[in-house]
Amino acid sequence: MKVTIYSKNNCMQCKMTKRFLSEHNVEFEERNINQHPEYVSYLKDKGFQAVPVVEAPGVPAFYGFRPDQLTQIAG
């Protein structure tokens, strides 16, 4: 399963989301909008205005620290 997390520096919800996935042995690719500002346009085009944004197959993309959604991914 390919999980992508869009994050930014000093973001507590981003850290909590990454920790949750790591603790549940879910591999993910992190895309930091501070290091790669081009991702900001991508996220805005998708309707997101906050991070973290999590994209995973079979689950609608969502933002924020959402243990309910993350549990589905970790399933």
N, C-alpha and C. Protein backbone atom coordinates (compact mmCIF):
# COMPACT_ATOMS: atom_id res chain seq x y z
N MET A 1 0.85 -1.19 0.00
CA MET A 1 0.00 0.00 0.00
C MET A 1 0.88 1.23 0.00
N LYS A 2 0.56 2.17 -0.87
CA LYS A 2 1.34 3.39 -0.99
C LYS A 2 0.62 4.51 -0.25
N VAL A 3 1.19 4.94 0.88
CA VAL A 3 0.61 6.01 1.67
C VAL A 3 1.50 7.24 1.53
N THR A 4 0.89 8.39 1.27
CA THR A 4 1.62 9.64 1.15
C THR A 4 1.11 10.62 2.19
N ILE A 5 2.04 11.26 2.90
CA ILE A 5 1.69 12.27 3.89
C ILE A 5 2.30 13.59 3.45
N TYR A 6 1.45 14.60 3.33
CA TYR A 6 1.93 15.96 3.08
C TYR A 6 2.02 16.64 4.44
N SER A 7 3.20 17.16 4.76
CA SER A 7 3.44 17.72 6.09
C SER A 7 4.18 19.04 5.97
N LYS A 8 4.39 19.67 7.13
CA LYS A 8 5.24 20.86 7.18
C LYS A 8 6.05 20.82 8.46
N ASN A 9 7.05 21.67 8.54
CA ASN A 9 7.93 21.70 9.71
C ASN A 9 7.14 22.16 10.95
N ASN A 10 7.52 21.63 12.11
CA ASN A 10 6.96 22.03 13.40
C ASN A 10 5.44 21.87 13.46
N CYS A 11 4.94 20.80 12.89
CA CYS A 11 3.50 20.52 12.86
C CYS A 11 3.22 19.33 13.78
N MET A 12 2.55 19.59 14.90
CA MET A 12 2.31 18.53 15.88
C MET A 12 1.41 17.44 15.30
N GLN A 13 0.35 17.81 14.58
CA GLN A 13 -0.53 16.79 14.00
C GLN A 13 0.20 15.95 12.96
N CYS A 14 1.14 16.57 12.24
CA CYS A 14 1.95 15.82 11.27
C CYS A 14 2.80 14.79 12.01
N LYS A 15 3.44 15.21 13.10
CA LYS A 15 4.29 14.30 13.86
C LYS A 15 3.47 13.15 14.43
N MET A 16 2.27 13.45 14.95
CA MET A 16 1.43 12.42 15.52
C MET A 16 0.96 11.43 14.45
N THR A 17 0.66 11.94 13.26
CA THR A 17 0.22 11.06 12.17
C THR A 17 1.35 10.14 11.74
N LYS A 18 2.55 10.69 11.58
CA LYS A 18 3.70 9.87 11.18
C LYS A 18 4.04 8.84 12.26
N ARG A 19 3.95 9.24 13.53
CA ARG A 19 4.23 8.30 14.62
C ARG A 19 3.21 7.16 14.62
N PHE A 20 1.93 7.49 14.43
CA PHE A 20 0.88 6.47 14.41
C PHE A 20 1.18 5.44 13.32
N LEU A 21 1.47 5.91 12.12
CA LEU A 21 1.74 4.99 11.00
C LEU A 21 2.99 4.16 11.26
N SER A 22 4.03 4.78 11.79
CA SER A 22 5.27 4.04 12.09
C SER A 22 5.02 2.96 13.13
N GLU A 23 4.25 3.31 14.18
CA GLU A 23 3.96 2.33 15.23
C GLU A 23 3.12 1.16 14.73
N HIS A 24 2.37 1.39 13.65
CA HIS A 24 1.54 0.33 13.08
C HIS A 24 2.18 -0.29 11.84
N ASN A 25 3.49 -0.04 11.67
CA ASN A 25 4.27 -0.62 10.57
C ASN A 25 3.69 -0.34 9.20
N VAL A 26 3.20 0.89 9.01
CA VAL A 26 2.69 1.30 7.70
C VAL A 26 3.77 2.17 7.05
N GLU A 27 4.24 1.73 5.90
CA GLU A 27 5.24 2.51 5.18
C GLU A 27 4.56 3.71 4.54
N PHE A 28 5.25 4.85 4.56
CA PHE A 28 4.68 6.04 3.94
C PHE A 28 5.79 6.90 3.35
N GLU A 29 5.39 7.72 2.41
CA GLU A 29 6.30 8.70 1.82
C GLU A 29 5.87 10.06 2.33
N GLU A 30 6.81 10.80 2.89
CA GLU A 30 6.52 12.14 3.39
C GLU A 30 6.88 13.18 2.34
N ARG A 31 5.97 14.12 2.14
CA ARG A 31 6.22 15.24 1.23
C ARG A 31 6.06 16.52 2.04
N ASN A 32 7.18 17.16 2.33
CA ASN A 32 7.19 18.34 3.19
C ASN A 32 6.99 19.60 2.34
N ILE A 33 5.95 20.38 2.67
CA ILE A 33 5.65 21.56 1.86
C ILE A 33 6.63 22.70 2.13
N ASN A 34 7.36 22.65 3.25
CA ASN A 34 8.40 23.66 3.47
C ASN A 34 9.59 23.43 2.54
N GLN A 35 9.92 22.17 2.33
CA GLN A 35 11.05 21.83 1.46
C GLN A 35 10.65 21.81 -0.01
N HIS A 36 9.38 21.54 -0.28
CA HIS A 36 8.89 21.44 -1.65
C HIS A 36 7.60 22.24 -1.80
N PRO A 37 7.70 23.57 -1.92
CA PRO A 37 6.51 24.42 -1.95
C PRO A 37 5.57 24.12 -3.13
N GLU A 38 6.05 23.41 -4.13
CA GLU A 38 5.18 23.08 -5.27
C GLU A 38 4.01 22.19 -4.85
N TYR A 39 4.15 21.50 -3.72
CA TYR A 39 3.05 20.65 -3.24
C TYR A 39 1.87 21.47 -2.71
N VAL A 40 2.12 22.73 -2.35
CA VAL A 40 1.04 23.58 -1.84
C VAL A 40 -0.05 23.74 -2.89
N SER A 41 0.35 24.01 -4.14
CA SER A 41 -0.63 24.16 -5.22
C SER A 41 -1.41 22.87 -5.43
N TYR A 42 -0.73 21.75 -5.37
CA TYR A 42 -1.39 20.45 -5.54
C TYR A 42 -2.47 20.28 -4.48
N LEU A 43 -2.12 20.56 -3.22
CA LEU A 43 -3.08 20.40 -2.13
C LEU A 43 -4.25 21.37 -2.25
N LYS A 44 -3.96 22.62 -2.63
CA LYS A 44 -5.04 23.60 -2.80
C LYS A 44 -5.98 23.17 -3.92
N ASP A 45 -5.41 22.62 -5.00
CA ASP A 45 -6.24 22.15 -6.12
C ASP A 45 -7.18 21.03 -5.67
N LYS A 46 -6.75 20.25 -4.67
CA LYS A 46 -7.57 19.16 -4.14
C LYS A 46 -8.54 19.65 -3.06
N GLY A 47 -8.46 20.94 -2.71
CA GLY A 47 -9.38 21.50 -1.73
C GLY A 47 -8.88 21.53 -0.30
N PHE A 48 -7.60 21.21 -0.09
CA PHE A 48 -7.05 21.19 1.26
C PHE A 48 -6.38 22.52 1.58
N GLN A 49 -6.54 22.97 2.82
CA GLN A 49 -5.90 24.21 3.26
C GLN A 49 -5.08 24.01 4.52
N ALA A 50 -4.95 22.77 4.96
CA ALA A 50 -4.19 22.46 6.17
C ALA A 50 -3.49 21.12 5.99
N VAL A 51 -2.43 20.92 6.76
CA VAL A 51 -1.72 19.64 6.77
C VAL A 51 -1.80 19.07 8.17
N PRO A 52 -1.57 17.80 8.39
CA PRO A 52 -1.17 16.83 7.36
C PRO A 52 -2.34 16.41 6.49
N VAL A 53 -2.00 16.10 5.24
CA VAL A 53 -2.95 15.48 4.32
C VAL A 53 -2.44 14.07 4.06
N VAL A 54 -3.33 13.10 4.19
CA VAL A 54 -2.95 11.70 4.00
C VAL A 54 -3.70 11.16 2.79
N GLU A 55 -2.95 10.57 1.87
CA GLU A 55 -3.52 9.90 0.70
C GLU A 55 -3.13 8.43 0.77
N ALA A 56 -4.13 7.57 0.62
CA ALA A 56 -3.87 6.13 0.63
C ALA A 56 -4.90 5.46 -0.28
N PRO A 57 -4.51 4.37 -0.95
CA PRO A 57 -5.45 3.66 -1.83
C PRO A 57 -6.68 3.16 -1.08
N GLY A 58 -7.83 3.34 -1.69
CA GLY A 58 -9.06 2.81 -1.12
C GLY A 58 -9.68 3.64 -0.01
N VAL A 59 -9.04 4.77 0.32
CA VAL A 59 -9.56 5.64 1.38
C VAL A 59 -9.56 7.07 0.84
N PRO A 60 -10.66 7.81 1.02
CA PRO A 60 -10.63 9.22 0.58
C PRO A 60 -9.53 9.99 1.31
N ALA A 61 -8.86 10.88 0.60
CA ALA A 61 -7.82 11.69 1.23
C ALA A 61 -8.43 12.51 2.37
N PHE A 62 -7.66 12.73 3.43
CA PHE A 62 -8.15 13.49 4.57
C PHE A 62 -7.01 14.30 5.17
N TYR A 63 -7.39 15.28 6.02
CA TYR A 63 -6.36 16.08 6.67
C TYR A 63 -6.53 16.03 8.18
N GLY A 64 -5.45 16.37 8.88
CA GLY A 64 -5.47 16.37 10.33
C GLY A 64 -5.07 15.01 10.89
N PHE A 65 -4.92 14.97 12.21
CA PHE A 65 -4.61 13.71 12.89
C PHE A 65 -5.93 13.00 13.13
N ARG A 66 -6.18 11.93 12.38
CA ARG A 66 -7.45 11.21 12.42
C ARG A 66 -7.21 9.74 12.73
N PRO A 67 -7.12 9.38 14.01
CA PRO A 67 -6.86 7.98 14.36
C PRO A 67 -7.88 7.02 13.75
N ASP A 68 -9.14 7.45 13.61
CA ASP A 68 -10.17 6.58 13.02
C ASP A 68 -9.81 6.23 11.58
N GLN A 69 -9.40 7.23 10.80
CA GLN A 69 -9.02 7.00 9.42
C GLN A 69 -7.70 6.23 9.34
N LEU A 70 -6.75 6.58 10.19
CA LEU A 70 -5.44 5.93 10.17
C LEU A 70 -5.56 4.45 10.53
N THR A 71 -6.49 4.11 11.41
CA THR A 71 -6.70 2.72 11.79
C THR A 71 -7.17 1.91 10.58
N GLN A 72 -8.02 2.52 9.74
CA GLN A 72 -8.46 1.84 8.50
C GLN A 72 -7.27 1.55 7.60
N ILE A 73 -6.35 2.51 7.49
CA ILE A 73 -5.17 2.32 6.64
C ILE A 73 -4.27 1.23 7.23
N ALA A 74 -4.11 1.28 8.57
CA ALA A 74 -3.21 0.31 9.22
C ALA A 74 -3.80 -1.08 9.22
N GLY A 75 -5.18 -1.15 9.17
CA GLY A 75 -5.96 -2.37 9.17
C GLY A 75 -5.17 -3.59 9.08
